[in-house]
Amino acid sequence: MHRIERFRAMLRGHPVDHAPAGFWFHFEPAYHGGAAMAERHIAFFRETGLDLLKVMNDSGYGPVGTFRVHKAADWATLEPTPLSEAHFQSHLEGLQGIVAALGDEVPIITTAFNPFREAVVILRAGDPARYPTEVEARMALLAQLRQEPEPVLQGLQVIADDLARFYRACVAQAGAGGIYFSAKGGERDHMTDEEHAAWVAPYDLHVLRQVGEVAEYIVGHFCGVGLNLERFAGYPVHLANWAYQSDNPSLRQGQAILGGVSILGGLDERGPLVVGPRQALQREIEQALAEMGAQGFMLGAGCTVPGDTPLENLVYARQAIAELTAQ
């Protein structure tokens, strides 16, 4: 089967010639946009031969570093970011180059961040001394939402509109097959289910529904430790990914929670895939396969792997799952 044919069959839970595999990591800042971004991703695919190319979205979002929030009311002054903005255009240019070179060879998705995450990044970038970590910025945003929700939600809607417009363009204009939607906000310890339903899910769903009108497929990445996956049960995704090793449900448990959707994952992004040995990596692959079977399953890591991971480890994992599931 061709990679694209295999990926489509896997998404539908149909038989495949072998289970596919996909991994990714962040590239150096020199490759975060434009032609350089395209060249680096193309080289990565040529070197690994993976069954999915997830384009990293490190190009940036205009308000990050330029819009500053000192109090909750400031969110009401956030202006829309046009598609013509430099960060958006840099990513679209790079994505177009990748699609032009590889669009007939491999499924291509671009990374999409949810509005809650981008709001946290905006808050942190505006005052890094006050918020030295992402968690501190996240808790500060939640405090603003609890104290004065209206202006914060107004800002989240602006972000959601910006992201929906941009990710639609990644598909409709640049030619990506879909998006990899990184959904922050699922940790049980950070907010209640009711808070997530009011402050996170509506804006996630706004983006997903808008992009779903033009995308062939959407991968849902549920990021974090100690997740309540039930919060994402209604999200319209075709493939789901999370790190079950991080105090999260197993792959089978999560699949049931998410309504039987196909699953991407199985490997620890800080485990044998990165540090070896090969025997341990082989065992981890076999364990994932024993749990999930070869249909409706794509081998991957629970999250982005470190940038210094040897490429031969990724190739080995791809070859191992193919050999174990060959029809």
Foldseek 3Di string as FASTA:
>chain_A
DALVVQVVQQLVLHDHLFFFADAAADDDPVLQFAQSVQVVQVVLCVLFVGSEREREHPLDDVLQLPQEDPALLSLLVDDADDCPDPSLVRHLNSLLSNCVVPVVHHAYAYEAEFLLQVQLSNHCSNPVVQPVDSVSSSLVLVVRCVVPNPSSLNNSLSSLVNRLVSQLCSCPPSNHQYYEYEAPDFAVPRDDLVCCVVRGVVSRQSSQVSNVVRHPFYEYQDEDARGDLLSCLPRPGSEYAAACVRNHDDPVVSCVSNPNHQYEAQAALPDCLAVDDPVVVLVSLVVSCVVPPGHSYHYYHRDHHYPPRDSVSSNSSRVSSSVVGRD
